[in-house]
Amino acid sequence: MSLSTRSFVTLAALVTTLAAGCASDPSAAPALLTVPSANLGTAAPNGADAPASTPGTTQPLLAVRRIAIPEYLVARRVRYRADPSTLAEWPNTFWAERIEIGVSREFLSALRTQLPGWTLCENNCGDRTPTLALQVDMVPMDYLRSAQKLQARARVVLSSAGGNPRVLQTQEWNYELPTSADTAQAHAQAVAELIRQVATATAAVVKTAKP
């Protein structure tokens, strides 16, 4: 075997060994994130279940539309704000589901806990006519990694339902939620806390609405 042939075989073996090592390295596996539950701390007092409706009565129906979040966040990669004009992505990290779906689901769950006297439905309420319709926009919803905090603004529009809907109330709130770690998981937990706080504020608006 010539020197050049031996060198090629040695190099090929080295490349094969390195490739095998990378393939077996667990750190190379992508991290999948889900939006954590936003129901922490929102259970009924003393752990009691939500009261059931009185026999013969019908709970008011609230149609909750899908939450609107910034279009630049609608991606599998978990994105954050690197500076006022630049987005970046957590390395090798992906949402396990579409982020707008996870946010809407957890918001609905948290809001349902806050409104035990209501029935909630997503968008289409079937053959029932909603008492009220709710639209929530969380724009912006930016995680500032350098400052380790989530900055967001929530806009809530509560409308009557039926053939001629009219806006009953509009509210806006600004949020700045710090995190305790420079990790994608802390970023996701901040999103869950944002959802919980917005659900609490929204429930108060719904309770005082007059259809």
Protein backbone atom coordinates (compact mmCIF):
# COMPACT_ATOMS: atom_id res chain seq x y z
CA MET A 1 0.00 0.00 0.00
CA SER A 2 1.43 3.34 -1.01
CA LEU A 3 1.91 6.25 1.37
CA SER A 4 -0.88 8.26 -0.30
CA THR A 5 -3.24 5.28 -0.07
CA ARG A 6 -2.45 4.75 3.62
CA SER A 7 -3.02 8.47 4.29
CA PHE A 8 -6.41 8.37 2.57
CA VAL A 9 -7.50 5.27 4.54
CA THR A 10 -6.38 6.86 7.82
CA LEU A 11 -8.25 10.09 7.04
CA ALA A 12 -11.40 8.19 6.07
CA ALA A 13 -11.28 6.21 9.32
CA LEU A 14 -10.87 9.42 11.32
CA VAL A 15 -13.85 11.07 9.60
CA THR A 16 -15.97 7.95 10.22
CA THR A 17 -15.03 7.93 13.91
CA LEU A 18 -15.85 11.61 14.33
CA ALA A 19 -19.20 11.22 12.55
CA ALA A 20 -20.12 8.29 14.76
CA GLY A 21 -19.20 10.29 17.85
CA CYS A 22 -21.40 13.20 16.78
CA ALA A 23 -24.30 10.89 16.02
CA SER A 24 -24.11 9.32 19.48
CA ASP A 25 -23.74 12.65 21.29
CA PRO A 26 -27.03 13.28 23.12
CA SER A 27 -26.35 17.02 23.17
CA ALA A 28 -26.84 17.05 19.40
CA ALA A 29 -30.51 16.11 19.75
CA PRO A 30 -32.86 19.11 19.26
CA ALA A 31 -34.66 20.42 22.33
CA LEU A 32 -38.45 20.56 22.06
CA LEU A 33 -40.37 23.16 24.09
CA THR A 34 -44.05 23.33 24.91
CA VAL A 35 -45.85 26.29 26.43
CA PRO A 36 -46.09 25.39 30.15
CA SER A 37 -49.45 25.30 31.87
CA ALA A 38 -50.71 28.76 32.77
CA ASN A 39 -53.07 27.40 35.43
CA LEU A 40 -50.55 27.42 38.28
CA GLY A 41 -51.92 29.42 41.18
CA THR A 42 -55.39 29.81 39.65
CA ALA A 43 -57.19 26.93 41.29
CA ALA A 44 -60.41 27.57 43.20
CA PRO A 45 -60.01 28.39 46.93
CA ASN A 46 -59.21 25.39 49.15
CA GLY A 47 -58.88 23.25 46.06
CA ALA A 48 -62.65 23.25 45.53
CA ASP A 49 -64.02 22.44 42.11
CA ALA A 50 -65.73 25.14 40.09
CA PRO A 51 -69.39 25.38 41.10
CA ALA A 52 -71.86 23.70 38.81
CA SER A 53 -74.70 25.67 37.28
CA THR A 54 -78.06 25.62 39.03
CA PRO A 55 -80.47 23.04 37.56
CA GLY A 56 -82.72 24.63 34.99
CA THR A 57 -80.31 27.48 34.23
CA THR A 58 -77.91 27.91 31.33
CA GLN A 59 -74.43 29.30 31.77
CA PRO A 60 -73.56 32.26 29.55
CA LEU A 61 -71.43 31.30 26.56
CA LEU A 62 -68.17 33.06 25.69
CA ALA A 63 -66.66 32.56 22.23
CA VAL A 64 -62.87 32.93 22.47
CA ARG A 65 -61.07 33.55 19.21
CA ARG A 66 -57.51 32.36 18.66
CA ILE A 67 -54.99 34.69 20.25
CA ALA A 68 -53.04 36.85 17.83
CA ILE A 69 -49.29 36.96 18.39
CA PRO A 70 -46.58 38.67 16.29
CA GLU A 71 -46.19 37.06 12.87
CA TYR A 72 -42.41 37.01 13.26
CA LEU A 73 -42.77 34.58 16.18
CA VAL A 74 -44.94 32.10 14.26
CA ALA A 75 -42.23 29.52 13.53
CA ARG A 76 -40.94 26.22 14.90
CA ARG A 77 -37.71 27.87 16.04
CA VAL A 78 -37.89 29.62 19.41
CA ARG A 79 -37.13 33.25 18.66
CA TYR A 80 -36.11 36.11 20.90
CA ARG A 81 -35.21 39.77 20.48
CA ALA A 82 -31.45 40.25 20.21
CA ASP A 83 -31.82 44.04 19.88
CA PRO A 84 -34.60 46.45 18.85
CA SER A 85 -34.20 45.59 15.18
CA THR A 86 -32.87 42.01 15.24
CA LEU A 87 -34.38 38.61 15.97
CA ALA A 88 -32.30 35.60 16.97
CA GLU A 89 -33.10 31.96 17.76
CA TRP A 90 -32.21 29.71 20.67
CA PRO A 91 -29.70 27.20 19.27
CA ASN A 92 -31.04 23.76 18.36
CA THR A 93 -34.39 24.51 20.07
CA PHE A 94 -37.87 24.12 18.60
CA TRP A 95 -41.48 24.51 19.71
CA ALA A 96 -43.10 21.08 19.90
CA GLU A 97 -46.25 22.56 18.35
CA ARG A 98 -47.19 25.77 16.61
CA ILE A 99 -46.65 28.51 19.17
CA GLU A 100 -49.94 30.31 18.48
CA ILE A 101 -51.84 27.06 19.11
CA GLY A 102 -50.09 26.42 22.42
CA VAL A 103 -50.61 30.00 23.59
CA SER A 104 -54.31 29.95 22.67
CA ARG A 105 -54.90 26.59 24.34
CA GLU A 106 -53.25 27.58 27.61
CA PHE A 107 -55.04 30.94 27.62
CA LEU A 108 -58.40 29.22 27.18
CA SER A 109 -57.59 26.78 29.98
CA ALA A 110 -56.53 29.56 32.36
CA LEU A 111 -59.54 31.71 31.47
CA ARG A 112 -61.91 28.79 32.01
CA THR A 113 -60.53 28.42 35.55
CA GLN A 114 -61.09 32.14 36.16
CA LEU A 115 -64.69 32.05 34.87
CA PRO A 116 -66.39 29.09 36.59
CA GLY A 117 -69.84 30.52 35.87
CA TRP A 118 -69.28 30.58 32.11
CA THR A 119 -69.07 28.09 29.29
CA LEU A 120 -66.20 28.77 26.91
CA CYS A 121 -65.82 27.67 23.31
CA GLU A 122 -63.14 28.24 20.70
CA ASN A 123 -64.34 30.26 17.72
CA ASN A 124 -67.20 28.01 16.62
CA CYS A 125 -69.78 27.35 19.33
CA GLY A 126 -71.85 24.99 17.22
CA ASP A 127 -75.60 25.63 17.18
CA ARG A 128 -75.45 27.83 20.30
CA THR A 129 -75.31 31.62 20.05
CA PRO A 130 -72.55 33.06 22.26
CA THR A 131 -73.42 35.66 24.84
CA LEU A 132 -70.11 37.45 24.19
CA ALA A 133 -67.14 37.16 21.85
CA LEU A 134 -63.55 37.75 22.93
CA GLN A 135 -60.46 38.65 20.90
CA VAL A 136 -57.04 38.95 22.55
CA ASP A 137 -53.93 40.25 20.77
CA MET A 138 -50.50 39.88 22.37
CA VAL A 139 -48.46 42.19 20.19
CA PRO A 140 -45.59 42.61 20.86
CA MET A 141 -44.58 39.51 22.83
CA ASP A 142 -40.79 39.85 22.78
CA TYR A 143 -38.28 38.04 24.94
CA LEU A 144 -35.22 40.24 25.47
CA ARG A 145 -32.46 37.73 26.10
CA SER A 146 -29.80 40.29 27.11
CA ALA A 147 -32.13 41.64 29.82
CA GLN A 148 -33.71 38.23 30.60
CA LYS A 149 -37.26 39.53 30.49
CA LEU A 150 -40.42 39.24 28.42
CA GLN A 151 -42.04 42.47 27.24
CA ALA A 152 -45.58 42.34 25.94
CA ARG A 153 -48.76 44.30 25.39
CA ALA A 154 -52.16 42.63 25.53
CA ARG A 155 -55.21 44.15 23.86
CA VAL A 156 -58.61 42.69 24.75
CA VAL A 157 -61.75 43.37 22.74
CA LEU A 158 -65.05 42.11 24.13
CA SER A 159 -68.01 42.19 21.76
CA SER A 160 -71.64 41.21 21.74
CA ALA A 161 -72.60 38.26 19.56
CA GLY A 162 -75.35 37.76 17.01
CA GLY A 163 -76.19 39.39 13.71
CA ASN A 164 -75.06 42.91 14.64
CA PRO A 165 -72.13 42.58 17.02
CA ARG A 166 -70.87 45.70 18.75
CA VAL A 167 -67.77 46.35 20.79
CA LEU A 168 -68.58 46.50 24.49
CA GLN A 169 -65.17 46.98 26.04
CA THR A 170 -61.56 47.39 24.94
CA GLN A 171 -58.66 47.18 27.36
CA GLU A 172 -54.88 47.22 26.99
CA TRP A 173 -52.17 46.23 29.47
CA ASN A 174 -48.38 46.31 29.29
CA TYR A 175 -46.27 43.59 30.88
CA GLU A 176 -42.59 43.20 31.75
CA LEU A 177 -41.81 39.80 33.22
CA PRO A 178 -38.24 39.00 34.36
CA THR A 179 -36.75 35.51 34.27
CA SER A 180 -34.15 33.99 36.56
CA ALA A 181 -32.14 32.08 33.97
CA ASP A 182 -30.68 32.58 30.53
CA THR A 183 -32.39 29.52 29.01
CA ALA A 184 -35.07 28.73 26.47
CA GLN A 185 -37.03 26.98 29.22
CA ALA A 186 -37.11 30.21 31.26
CA HIS A 187 -38.30 32.01 28.13
CA ALA A 188 -41.18 29.52 27.76
CA GLN A 189 -42.07 29.84 31.45
CA ALA A 190 -42.28 33.63 31.07
CA VAL A 191 -44.76 33.14 28.22
CA ALA A 192 -46.87 30.94 30.53
CA GLU A 193 -46.81 33.59 33.25
CA LEU A 194 -47.86 36.21 30.71
CA ILE A 195 -50.81 34.05 29.67
CA ARG A 196 -51.85 33.58 33.30
CA GLN A 197 -51.78 37.30 34.06
CA VAL A 198 -53.64 38.23 30.87
CA ALA A 199 -56.28 35.57 31.60
CA THR A 200 -56.80 36.99 35.11
CA ALA A 201 -57.19 40.54 33.80
CA THR A 202 -59.47 39.41 30.97
CA ALA A 203 -61.73 37.47 33.32
CA ALA A 204 -62.33 40.65 35.32
CA VAL A 205 -63.42 42.43 32.14
CA VAL A 206 -65.80 39.62 31.18
CA LYS A 207 -67.37 39.55 34.63
CA THR A 208 -68.28 43.24 34.46
CA ALA A 209 -69.52 43.21 30.86
CA LYS A 210 -73.17 43.98 30.11
CA PRO A 211 -74.22 42.27 26.87
